[in-house]
C-alpha atoms as a PDB file:
ATOM      1  CA  MET A   1      62.526 141.055 139.758  1.00  0.00           C
ATOM      2  CA  ILE A   2      65.374 142.570 139.706  1.00  0.00           C
ATOM      3  CA  ALA A   3      68.608 140.385 140.371  1.00  0.00           C
ATOM      4  CA  HIS A   4      72.372 142.523 140.637  1.00  0.00           C
ATOM      5  CA  THR A   5      74.655 139.936 139.445  1.00  0.00           C
ATOM      6  CA  THR A   6      77.884 140.440 141.002  1.00  0.00           C
ATOM      7  CA  LEU A   7      80.152 139.264 138.238  1.00  0.00           C
ATOM      8  CA  GLY A   8      80.210 140.105 134.261  1.00  0.00           C
ATOM      9  CA  VAL A   9      77.333 138.290 132.694  1.00  0.00           C
ATOM     10  CA  ARG A  10      77.796 136.990 128.928  1.00  0.00           C
ATOM     11  CA  ALA A  11      74.933 133.776 129.745  1.00  0.00           C
ATOM     12  CA  LEU A  12      73.168 132.980 132.454  1.00  0.00           C
ATOM     13  CA  ARG A  13      70.651 130.305 133.800  1.00  0.00           C
ATOM     14  CA  ILE A  14      67.977 131.191 137.071  1.00  0.00           C
ATOM     15  CA  GLU A  15      66.445 128.846 139.412  1.00  0.00           C
ATOM     16  CA  ILE A  16      62.581 128.982 140.346  1.00  0.00           C
ATOM     17  CA  SER A  17      61.975 127.342 143.437  1.00  0.00           C
ATOM     18  CA  ASN A  18      58.622 125.652 144.848  1.00  0.00           C
ATOM     19  CA  MET A  19      60.238 123.260 147.567  1.00  0.00           C
ATOM     20  CA  ALA A  20      58.421 125.178 150.107  1.00  0.00           C
ATOM     21  CA  ASN A  21      54.736 124.489 148.643  1.00  0.00           C
ATOM     22  CA  THR A  22      52.219 121.642 148.551  1.00  0.00           C
ATOM     23  CA  GLN A  23      50.854 123.224 145.318  1.00  0.00           C
ATOM     24  CA  PRO A  24      52.514 122.820 141.517  1.00  0.00           C
ATOM     25  CA  LEU A  25      53.595 126.558 140.722  1.00  0.00           C
ATOM     26  CA  GLU A  26      52.729 127.282 136.770  1.00  0.00           C
ATOM     27  CA  ILE A  27      54.595 129.293 135.010  1.00  0.00           C
ATOM     28  CA  GLY A  28      52.998 130.232 131.501  1.00  0.00           C
ATOM     29  CA  SER A  29      56.405 132.344 130.531  1.00  0.00           C
ATOM     30  CA  ALA A  30      58.991 134.108 131.880  1.00  0.00           C
ATOM     31  CA  HIS A  31      61.756 136.290 130.278  1.00  0.00           C
ATOM     32  CA  VAL A  32      65.103 137.751 131.584  1.00  0.00           C
ATOM     33  CA  ALA A  33      66.445 141.677 129.642  1.00  0.00           C
ATOM     34  CA  LEU A  34      68.957 144.174 130.908  1.00  0.00           C
ATOM     35  CA  HIS A  35      66.838 146.672 133.670  1.00  0.00           C
ATOM     36  CA  THR A  36      67.057 150.890 133.180  1.00  0.00           C
ATOM     37  CA  GLY A  37      64.871 151.535 135.819  1.00  0.00           C
ATOM     38  CA  ASP A  38      61.595 152.046 136.966  1.00  0.00           C
ATOM     39  CA  GLY A  39      60.001 148.643 134.815  1.00  0.00           C
ATOM     40  CA  ALA A  40      62.066 149.468 131.819  1.00  0.00           C
ATOM     41  CA  ILE A  41      64.630 147.520 129.821  1.00  0.00           C
ATOM     42  CA  VAL A  42      67.515 147.917 127.642  1.00  0.00           C
ATOM     43  CA  PRO A  43      66.082 147.339 124.139  1.00  0.00           C
ATOM     44  CA  GLY A  44      67.008 144.332 122.083  1.00  0.00           C
ATOM     45  CA  THR A  45      68.234 142.327 125.473  1.00  0.00           C
ATOM     46  CA  ASP A  46      64.534 140.654 125.650  1.00  0.00           C
ATOM     47  CA  ARG A  47      65.213 137.177 125.806  1.00  0.00           C
ATOM     48  CA  ALA A  48      62.430 134.357 126.590  1.00  0.00           C
ATOM     49  CA  LEU A  49      63.400 131.819 129.151  1.00  0.00           C
ATOM     50  CA  LYS A  50      62.768 128.079 128.776  1.00  0.00           C
ATOM     51  CA  PHE A  51      62.988 125.166 130.866  1.00  0.00           C
ATOM     52  CA  SER A  52      64.103 121.795 129.022  1.00  0.00           C
ATOM     53  CA  GLY A  53      62.935 123.568 125.802  1.00  0.00           C
ATOM     54  CA  ASN A  54      59.759 124.937 126.715  1.00  0.00           C
ATOM     55  CA  GLU A  55      58.613 128.601 127.515  1.00  0.00           C
ATOM     56  CA  SER A  56      55.979 127.261 129.439  1.00  0.00           C
ATOM     57  CA  PHE A  57      56.036 125.047 132.573  1.00  0.00           C
ATOM     58  CA  VAL A  58      55.458 123.266 135.771  1.00  0.00           C
ATOM     59  CA  VAL A  59      57.645 123.687 138.824  1.00  0.00           C
ATOM     60  CA  PRO A  60      56.464 120.578 141.003  1.00  0.00           C
ATOM     61  CA  PRO A  61      55.325 120.789 144.846  1.00  0.00           C
ATOM     62  CA  GLY A  62      59.202 120.255 146.738  1.00  0.00           C
ATOM     63  CA  ALA A  63      61.261 120.683 143.973  1.00  0.00           C
ATOM     64  CA  LEU A  64      63.475 123.449 142.044  1.00  0.00           C
ATOM     65  CA  LEU A  65      64.096 123.719 137.927  1.00  0.00           C
ATOM     66  CA  VAL A  66      66.921 125.461 136.143  1.00  0.00           C
ATOM     67  CA  SER A  67      66.567 126.852 133.196  1.00  0.00           C
ATOM     68  CA  ASP A  68      68.178 126.185 129.539  1.00  0.00           C
ATOM     69  CA  LEU A  69      71.049 128.643 129.425  1.00  0.00           C
ATOM     70  CA  VAL A  70      70.719 132.042 127.776  1.00  0.00           C
ATOM     71  CA  ASP A  71      73.069 133.813 125.546  1.00  0.00           C
ATOM     72  CA  LEU A  72      72.257 137.533 126.266  1.00  0.00           C
ATOM     73  CA  LEU A  73      74.078 138.618 123.058  1.00  0.00           C
ATOM     74  CA  LYS A  74      72.840 137.847 120.133  1.00  0.00           C
ATOM     75  CA  GLY A  75      69.075 136.124 119.011  1.00  0.00           C
ATOM     76  CA  ASN A  76      65.597 137.120 119.194  1.00  0.00           C
ATOM     77  CA  VAL A  77      65.738 140.504 119.970  1.00  0.00           C
ATOM     78  CA  THR A  78      61.567 141.160 120.282  1.00  0.00           C
ATOM     79  CA  GLY A  79      59.758 142.012 123.508  1.00  0.00           C
ATOM     80  CA  SER A  80      58.350 145.080 125.029  1.00  0.00           C
ATOM     81  CA  VAL A  81      60.480 148.058 126.453  1.00  0.00           C
ATOM     82  CA  ASP A  82      58.365 149.214 129.020  1.00  0.00           C
ATOM     83  CA  MET A  83      56.523 147.031 131.551  1.00  0.00           C
ATOM     84  CA  PRO A  84      52.551 147.803 131.810  1.00  0.00           C
ATOM     85  CA  ASP A  85      52.312 149.083 135.639  1.00  0.00           C
ATOM     86  CA  PRO A  86      55.555 148.451 137.010  1.00  0.00           C
ATOM     87  CA  ALA A  87      55.717 147.127 140.312  1.00  0.00           C
ATOM     88  CA  LYS A  88      58.888 146.889 142.778  1.00  0.00           C
ATOM     89  CA  THR A  89      59.097 143.539 145.274  1.00  0.00           C
ATOM     90  CA  TYR A  90      61.156 141.723 147.032  1.00  0.00           C
ATOM     91  CA  TYR A  91      62.206 138.188 145.173  1.00  0.00           C
ATOM     92  CA  LEU A  92      59.404 135.830 145.015  1.00  0.00           C
ATOM     93  CA  CYS A  93      60.635 131.997 142.994  1.00  0.00           C
ATOM     94  CA  LEU A  94      63.154 133.281 142.115  1.00  0.00           C
ATOM     95  CA  THR A  95      66.211 131.497 143.844  1.00  0.00           C
ATOM     96  CA  GLY A  96      69.456 132.112 141.539  1.00  0.00           C
ATOM     97  CA  ASP A  97      71.018 133.513 138.405  1.00  0.00           C
ATOM     98  CA  ASP A  98      74.162 131.151 137.600  1.00  0.00           C
ATOM     99  CA  VAL A  99      76.389 132.879 134.952  1.00  0.00           C
ATOM    100  CA  LEU A 100      79.209 131.961 132.726  1.00  0.00           C
ATOM    101  CA  THR A 101      82.688 133.450 134.526  1.00  0.00           C
ATOM    102  CA  PRO A 102      86.516 133.065 133.582  1.00  0.00           C
ATOM    103  CA  ALA A 103      87.477 129.922 135.378  1.00  0.00           C
ATOM    104  CA  ASP A 104      89.607 131.773 137.829  1.00  0.00           C
ATOM    105  CA  SER A 105      86.473 132.678 139.223  1.00  0.00           C
ATOM    106  CA  TYR A 106      84.622 132.153 143.030  1.00  0.00           C
ATOM    107  CA  ALA A 107      82.201 132.770 145.282  1.00  0.00           C
ATOM    108  CA  ILE A 108      81.206 133.664 148.656  1.00  0.00           C
ATOM    109  CA  VAL A 109      77.986 132.521 150.154  1.00  0.00           C
ATOM    110  CA  ALA A 110      76.398 134.861 152.620  1.00  0.00           C
ATOM    111  CA  LEU A 111      74.304 132.796 154.842  1.00  0.00           C
ATOM    112  CA  GLY A 112      72.284 134.297 157.266  1.00  0.00           C
ATOM    113  CA  ASP A 113      68.682 135.674 158.041  1.00  0.00           C
ATOM    114  CA  SER A 114      66.853 138.950 157.459  1.00  0.00           C
ATOM    115  CA  ILE A 115      69.392 140.685 158.198  1.00  0.00           C
ATOM    116  CA  THR A 116      71.378 139.818 154.909  1.00  0.00           C
ATOM    117  CA  ASP A 117      68.281 139.361 152.828  1.00  0.00           C
ATOM    118  CA  GLY A 118      68.494 142.999 153.168  1.00  0.00           C
ATOM    119  CA  LEU A 119      65.456 143.667 155.579  1.00  0.00           C
ATOM    120  CA  ALA A 120      64.975 147.535 156.164  1.00  0.00           C
ATOM    121  CA  THR A 121      67.525 148.528 153.221  1.00  0.00           C
ATOM    122  CA  THR A 122      66.151 150.431 150.283  1.00  0.00           C
ATOM    123  CA  VAL A 123      64.188 147.980 147.838  1.00  0.00           C
ATOM    124  CA  ASP A 124      66.032 147.644 144.929  1.00  0.00           C
ATOM    125  CA  GLY A 125      68.359 149.563 146.153  1.00  0.00           C
ATOM    126  CA  ASN A 126      71.091 146.984 146.107  1.00  0.00           C
ATOM    127  CA  ALA A 127      72.384 148.310 149.555  1.00  0.00           C
ATOM    128  CA  THR A 128      72.121 145.169 151.503  1.00  0.00           C
ATOM    129  CA  TRP A 129      76.049 143.972 153.128  1.00  0.00           C
ATOM    130  CA  PRO A 130      76.506 141.283 150.726  1.00  0.00           C
ATOM    131  CA  ALA A 131      75.736 144.046 147.984  1.00  0.00           C
ATOM    132  CA  TRP A 132      78.260 146.291 149.024  1.00  0.00           C
ATOM    133  CA  LEU A 133      80.815 143.733 149.937  1.00  0.00           C
ATOM    134  CA  THR A 134      80.414 143.066 146.111  1.00  0.00           C
ATOM    135  CA  LYS A 135      81.272 146.658 144.891  1.00  0.00           C
ATOM    136  CA  GLN A 136      84.345 146.509 147.357  1.00  0.00           C
ATOM    137  CA  LEU A 137      85.703 143.498 145.578  1.00  0.00           C
ATOM    138  CA  ALA A 138      84.370 144.696 142.293  1.00  0.00           C
ATOM    139  CA  ALA A 139      87.032 147.931 142.583  1.00  0.00           C
ATOM    140  CA  VAL A 140      90.394 146.046 143.683  1.00  0.00           C
ATOM    141  CA  LYS A 141      91.894 144.300 140.892  1.00  0.00           C
ATOM    142  CA  ARG A 142      93.176 141.021 143.024  1.00  0.00           C
ATOM    143  CA  THR A 143      89.176 140.229 143.569  1.00  0.00           C
ATOM    144  CA  ARG A 144      87.513 141.225 141.035  1.00  0.00           C
ATOM    145  CA  ASN A 145      86.935 137.551 140.149  1.00  0.00           C
ATOM    146  CA  VAL A 146      85.119 136.754 143.044  1.00  0.00           C
ATOM    147  CA  ALA A 147      81.211 136.454 143.112  1.00  0.00           C
ATOM    148  CA  VAL A 148      79.193 137.334 146.032  1.00  0.00           C
ATOM    149  CA  LEU A 149      76.189 134.830 146.763  1.00  0.00           C
ATOM    150  CA  ASN A 150      73.439 136.473 149.329  1.00  0.00           C
ATOM    151  CA  GLN A 151      71.541 133.026 150.531  1.00  0.00           C
ATOM    152  CA  GLY A 152      69.908 135.254 153.238  1.00  0.00           C
ATOM    153  CA  ILE A 153      66.192 133.997 154.326  1.00  0.00           C
ATOM    154  CA  SER A 154      64.536 136.473 156.145  1.00  0.00           C
ATOM    155  CA  GLY A 155      63.246 134.715 159.897  1.00  0.00           C
ATOM    156  CA  ASN A 156      65.719 131.609 159.025  1.00  0.00           C
ATOM    157  CA  GLN A 157      67.142 129.953 161.833  1.00  0.00           C
ATOM    158  CA  VAL A 158      70.102 127.942 162.638  1.00  0.00           C
ATOM    159  CA  VAL A 159      68.978 124.784 164.160  1.00  0.00           C
ATOM    160  CA  ARG A 160      65.126 124.947 163.838  1.00  0.00           C
ATOM    161  CA  ASP A 161      63.192 124.714 160.835  1.00  0.00           C
ATOM    162  CA  GLY A 162      60.647 128.213 160.333  1.00  0.00           C
ATOM    163  CA  ALA A 163      60.563 130.759 157.716  1.00  0.00           C
ATOM    164  CA  GLY A 164      62.225 127.801 155.309  1.00  0.00           C
ATOM    165  CA  VAL A 165      64.373 125.009 156.357  1.00  0.00           C
ATOM    166  CA  SER A 166      66.721 125.624 158.983  1.00  0.00           C
ATOM    167  CA  ALA A 167      70.526 126.780 158.121  1.00  0.00           C
ATOM    168  CA  LEU A 168      71.694 123.117 158.598  1.00  0.00           C
ATOM    169  CA  ALA A 169      69.025 121.554 156.535  1.00  0.00           C
ATOM    170  CA  ARG A 170      69.765 124.107 154.066  1.00  0.00           C
ATOM    171  CA  PHE A 171      73.459 123.925 153.672  1.00  0.00           C
ATOM    172  CA  ASP A 172      73.462 121.119 151.401  1.00  0.00           C
ATOM    173  CA  ARG A 173      71.773 122.728 148.742  1.00  0.00           C
ATOM    174  CA  ASP A 174      72.511 126.846 149.529  1.00  0.00           C
ATOM    175  CA  VAL A 175      76.363 126.553 149.723  1.00  0.00           C
ATOM    176  CA  PRO A 176      78.230 123.417 148.275  1.00  0.00           C
ATOM    177  CA  GLY A 177      75.050 123.399 145.851  1.00  0.00           C
ATOM    178  CA  ARG A 178      76.660 126.404 144.418  1.00  0.00           C
ATOM    179  CA  PRO A 179      78.934 126.442 141.959  1.00  0.00           C
ATOM    180  CA  GLY A 180      82.390 127.687 142.794  1.00  0.00           C
ATOM    181  CA  VAL A 181      81.912 128.476 146.461  1.00  0.00           C
ATOM    182  CA  LYS A 182      85.442 129.075 148.612  1.00  0.00           C
ATOM    183  CA  TRP A 183      84.055 131.078 151.252  1.00  0.00           C
ATOM    184  CA  ILE A 184      81.007 131.501 153.793  1.00  0.00           C
ATOM    185  CA  ILE A 185      80.416 134.605 156.015  1.00  0.00           C
ATOM    186  CA  LEU A 186      77.949 133.230 158.160  1.00  0.00           C
ATOM    187  CA  LEU A 187      75.577 135.711 160.368  1.00  0.00           C
ATOM    188  CA  GLU A 188      72.530 133.811 161.809  1.00  0.00           C
ATOM    189  CA  GLY A 189      71.305 132.552 165.552  1.00  0.00           C
ATOM    190  CA  ILE A 190      69.247 135.792 166.129  1.00  0.00           C
ATOM    191  CA  ASN A 191      66.065 134.159 165.619  1.00  0.00           C
ATOM    192  CA  ASP A 192      67.117 130.666 167.220  1.00  0.00           C
ATOM    193  CA  ILE A 193      67.833 133.246 169.798  1.00  0.00           C
ATOM    194  CA  ASN A 194      64.791 135.263 170.218  1.00  0.00           C
ATOM    195  CA  ILE A 195      62.269 132.561 169.236  1.00  0.00           C
ATOM    196  CA  ARG A 196      63.298 129.579 171.839  1.00  0.00           C
ATOM    197  CA  GLY A 197      66.130 131.680 173.751  1.00  0.00           C
ATOM    198  CA  ARG A 198      63.555 133.921 176.003  1.00  0.00           C
ATOM    199  CA  SER A 199      62.495 131.415 178.221  1.00  0.00           C
ATOM    200  CA  THR A 200      63.082 127.765 179.850  1.00  0.00           C
ATOM    201  CA  GLY A 201      61.719 124.577 180.129  1.00  0.00           C
ATOM    202  CA  PRO A 202      62.682 121.410 177.652  1.00  0.00           C
ATOM    203  CA  ASP A 203      62.196 122.869 174.509  1.00  0.00           C
ATOM    204  CA  ALA A 204      64.031 126.329 175.249  1.00  0.00           C
ATOM    205  CA  LEU A 205      67.697 127.371 172.913  1.00  0.00           C
ATOM    206  CA  THR A 206      71.194 127.329 175.168  1.00  0.00           C
ATOM    207  CA  SER A 207      74.319 128.382 173.857  1.00  0.00           C
ATOM    208  CA  ASP A 208      75.531 124.747 173.529  1.00  0.00           C
ATOM    209  CA  GLU A 209      72.794 123.959 171.059  1.00  0.00           C
ATOM    210  CA  LEU A 210      73.388 126.942 168.912  1.00  0.00           C
ATOM    211  CA  ILE A 211      76.942 126.337 169.501  1.00  0.00           C
ATOM    212  CA  ALA A 212      76.463 122.640 168.213  1.00  0.00           C
ATOM    213  CA  GLY A 213      74.875 124.195 165.091  1.00  0.00           C
ATOM    214  CA  TYR A 214      77.959 126.105 164.122  1.00  0.00           C
ATOM    215  CA  ARG A 215      80.288 123.229 165.062  1.00  0.00           C
ATOM    216  CA  GLN A 216      78.021 121.219 162.105  1.00  0.00           C
ATOM    217  CA  ILE A 217      78.257 124.366 159.694  1.00  0.00           C
ATOM    218  CA  ILE A 218      81.730 124.414 159.804  1.00  0.00           C
ATOM    219  CA  GLU A 219      82.401 121.065 159.912  1.00  0.00           C
ATOM    220  CA  ARG A 220      80.466 120.641 156.429  1.00  0.00           C
ATOM    221  CA  ALA A 221      82.353 123.742 154.674  1.00  0.00           C
ATOM    222  CA  HIS A 222      85.956 122.190 155.738  1.00  0.00           C
ATOM    223  CA  VAL A 223      84.956 118.056 154.135  1.00  0.00           C
ATOM    224  CA  THR A 224      83.785 120.225 151.000  1.00  0.00           C
ATOM    225  CA  GLY A 225      86.731 122.437 151.137  1.00  0.00           C
ATOM    226  CA  ILE A 226      85.009 125.709 152.046  1.00  0.00           C
ATOM    227  CA  LYS A 227      86.585 128.195 154.602  1.00  0.00           C
ATOM    228  CA  MET A 228      84.316 129.671 156.820  1.00  0.00           C
ATOM    229  CA  ARG A 229      84.237 133.185 158.801  1.00  0.00           C
ATOM    230  CA  SER A 230      81.839 134.340 161.401  1.00  0.00           C
ATOM    231  CA  ALA A 231      80.002 137.819 161.042  1.00  0.00           C
ATOM    232  CA  ILE A 232      79.582 138.388 164.778  1.00  0.00           C
ATOM    233  CA  ILE A 233      75.677 138.741 165.907  1.00  0.00           C
ATOM    234  CA  MET A 234      75.047 142.444 166.762  1.00  0.00           C
ATOM    235  CA  PRO A 235      73.033 144.027 169.536  1.00  0.00           C
ATOM    236  CA  GLU A 236      69.006 144.025 169.752  1.00  0.00           C
ATOM    237  CA  GLU A 237      67.958 145.658 172.773  1.00  0.00           C
ATOM    238  CA  GLU A 238      64.441 147.358 172.456  1.00  0.00           C
ATOM    239  CA  VAL A 239      63.517 144.673 170.106  1.00  0.00           C
ATOM    240  CA  PRO A 240      59.936 142.942 171.679  1.00  0.00           C
ATOM    241  CA  THR A 241      61.100 139.443 171.376  1.00  0.00           C
ATOM    242  CA  ALA A 242      64.618 140.341 173.015  1.00  0.00           C
ATOM    243  CA  SER A 243      64.982 139.060 176.984  1.00  0.00           C
ATOM    244  CA  GLU A 244      67.760 139.267 179.260  1.00  0.00           C
ATOM    245  CA  ARG A 245      68.376 135.027 179.009  1.00  0.00           C
ATOM    246  CA  GLY A 246      68.325 135.750 175.106  1.00  0.00           C
ATOM    247  CA  GLU A 247      71.233 138.621 175.446  1.00  0.00           C
ATOM    248  CA  GLU A 248      73.453 135.837 177.844  1.00  0.00           C
ATOM    249  CA  ILE A 249      72.972 133.310 174.884  1.00  0.00           C
ATOM    250  CA  ARG A 250      73.695 136.030 172.676  1.00  0.00           C
ATOM    251  CA  GLN A 251      77.499 136.821 174.389  1.00  0.00           C
ATOM    252  CA  THR A 252      77.829 133.541 175.241  1.00  0.00           C
ATOM    253  CA  VAL A 253      78.332 132.239 171.598  1.00  0.00           C
ATOM    254  CA  ASN A 254      80.123 135.929 170.309  1.00  0.00           C
ATOM    255  CA  ARG A 255      82.849 135.075 172.646  1.00  0.00           C
ATOM    256  CA  TRP A 256      82.776 131.293 171.215  1.00  0.00           C
ATOM    257  CA  ASN A 257      82.704 132.734 167.636  1.00  0.00           C
ATOM    258  CA  ARG A 258      85.056 135.225 168.250  1.00  0.00           C
ATOM    259  CA  ALA A 259      87.533 132.355 169.602  1.00  0.00           C
ATOM    260  CA  LYS A 260      90.870 131.593 167.436  1.00  0.00           C
ATOM    261  CA  GLY A 261      90.563 128.550 166.081  1.00  0.00           C
ATOM    262  CA  ASN A 262      86.467 127.810 165.827  1.00  0.00           C
ATOM    263  CA  PHE A 263      86.188 129.796 162.816  1.00  0.00           C
ATOM    264  CA  ASP A 264      88.825 130.122 159.661  1.00  0.00           C
ATOM    265  CA  ALA A 265      88.278 134.076 159.747  1.00  0.00           C
ATOM    266  CA  VAL A 266      85.850 136.988 161.978  1.00  0.00           C
ATOM    267  CA  VAL A 267      84.421 139.680 161.572  1.00  0.00           C
ATOM    268  CA  ASP A 268      83.152 141.331 164.607  1.00  0.00           C
ATOM    269  CA  PHE A 269      79.595 142.883 163.290  1.00  0.00           C
ATOM    270  CA  ASP A 270      78.545 143.556 166.884  1.00  0.00           C
ATOM    271  CA  LEU A 271      81.513 146.095 167.310  1.00  0.00           C
ATOM    272  CA  ILE A 272      80.803 147.823 164.409  1.00  0.00           C
ATOM    273  CA  LEU A 273      76.917 148.417 164.783  1.00  0.00           C
ATOM    274  CA  GLN A 274      76.713 148.923 168.747  1.00  0.00           C
ATOM    275  CA  ASP A 275      76.399 151.742 170.468  1.00  0.00           C
ATOM    276  CA  ARG A 276      79.523 152.443 172.129  1.00  0.00           C
ATOM    277  CA  SER A 277      77.717 154.021 174.741  1.00  0.00           C
ATOM    278  CA  HIS A 278      75.281 150.884 175.165  1.00  0.00           C
ATOM    279  CA  PRO A 279      76.466 148.004 173.489  1.00  0.00           C
ATOM    280  CA  ALA A 280      73.768 145.783 173.756  1.00  0.00           C
ATOM    281  CA  ARG A 281      71.816 148.228 171.737  1.00  0.00           C
ATOM    282  CA  LEU A 282      72.311 148.949 168.012  1.00  0.00           C
ATOM    283  CA  ASN A 283      74.288 152.690 166.824  1.00  0.00           C
ATOM    284  CA  PRO A 284      70.986 154.977 166.284  1.00  0.00           C
ATOM    285  CA  ALA A 285      73.239 155.712 162.898  1.00  0.00           C
ATOM    286  CA  PHE A 286      72.606 152.636 161.667  1.00  0.00           C
ATOM    287  CA  ASN A 287      68.862 152.064 162.864  1.00  0.00           C
ATOM    288  CA  PRO A 288      65.352 152.392 160.885  1.00  0.00           C
ATOM    289  CA  GLY A 289      63.464 151.995 163.499  1.00  0.00           C
ATOM    290  CA  ASP A 290      63.135 148.247 164.523  1.00  0.00           C
ATOM    291  CA  HIS A 291      66.711 147.851 166.831  1.00  0.00           C
ATOM    292  CA  THR A 292      67.902 144.806 164.699  1.00  0.00           C
ATOM    293  CA  HIS A 293      67.709 145.638 161.311  1.00  0.00           C
ATOM    294  CA  PRO A 294      70.483 147.974 160.143  1.00  0.00           C
ATOM    295  CA  ASP A 295      69.948 150.556 157.421  1.00  0.00           C
ATOM    296  CA  ASP A 296      71.707 151.216 154.170  1.00  0.00           C
ATOM    297  CA  ALA A 297      74.503 152.950 156.218  1.00  0.00           C
ATOM    298  CA  GLY A 298      74.774 150.320 158.067  1.00  0.00           C
ATOM    299  CA  ASN A 299      75.004 147.717 156.204  1.00  0.00           C
ATOM    300  CA  LYS A 300      77.545 149.653 153.967  1.00  0.00           C
ATOM    301  CA  ALA A 301      79.780 149.817 157.765  1.00  0.00           C
ATOM    302  CA  MET A 302      79.225 145.917 157.714  1.00  0.00           C
ATOM    303  CA  ALA A 303      80.712 145.756 154.431  1.00  0.00           C
ATOM    304  CA  ASP A 304      83.705 148.141 155.500  1.00  0.00           C
ATOM    305  CA  ALA A 305      84.763 145.920 158.118  1.00  0.00           C
ATOM    306  CA  ILE A 306      85.565 142.776 156.308  1.00  0.00           C
ATOM    307  CA  ASP A 307      89.062 142.488 154.976  1.00  0.00           C
ATOM    308  CA  LEU A 308      89.330 141.769 151.541  1.00  0.00           C
ATOM    309  CA  ILE A 309      93.160 140.860 151.386  1.00  0.00           C
ATOM    310  CA  LEU A 310      91.470 136.979 152.744  1.00  0.00           C
ATOM    311  CA  PHE A 311      89.719 136.686 149.429  1.00  0.00           C
ATOM    312  CA  ALA A 312      92.966 137.470 146.766  1.00  0.00           C
ATOM    313  CA  GLY A 313      94.681 135.021 144.965  1.00  0.00           C
ATOM    314  CA  GLN A 314      92.309 132.279 146.385  1.00  0.00           C
END
């Protein structure tokens, strides 16, 4: 699994999660190294990971373990340079890498669903909108100390569990539970709309319920001194789960998200990615074919729309 760190790395530790499973996760051995592509590593960078001093370990059901700190600049340099039969994959149990940085460094959390996670972008292409944002921050002297943490989970909802626990339930773990967080960019809600926004009835989603979820996240962020930036939900006409009622909810919550005073700042991904001749539809230039997840170019356009001035001098 290829992890792209957003700041320079001298030493790190990683997290292995078994929080969503009911059986123990047994790890016989795990290593970390610098990657050169196609399953190969930089000679001399291979390091064995240890957890509480042990190279083999078991992650209990519902638990998350953090490795011992690994120094990447010295020590035992044994290990294969090439991985046999390499295959690219999305992240399985790897949930984070925590690096030593200068004292003035801080983090932005991208809290979202599959669009933030990077579905429809090139596998291992580092082309998600949080990855593009990282590159832009690194190119500006005043924001080179800012890391971006991608906390997108495909299928995630704001107010209900489904693909993982809801954003409300995982907030403490995934935002203030991460070191150095000062900003959140929130892009969630389309799964709530598609799953429970299509029909009426006692369990149907309402715009008021989704807005109440946003309010809770904003309040909990502000209590911990973290600022909130709303990323307006993008169009999705022609998606099989889309509906007229769902579109009405999307428009209502987007108006609330844009309104002055609800969030500390806003980036309008809806305006950036919509087809200007048909605003309820994703721009064909950014549509990989599923009508909802932007391609590499669409993700870059999203990052380009984020004003970096708010992140300078924090």
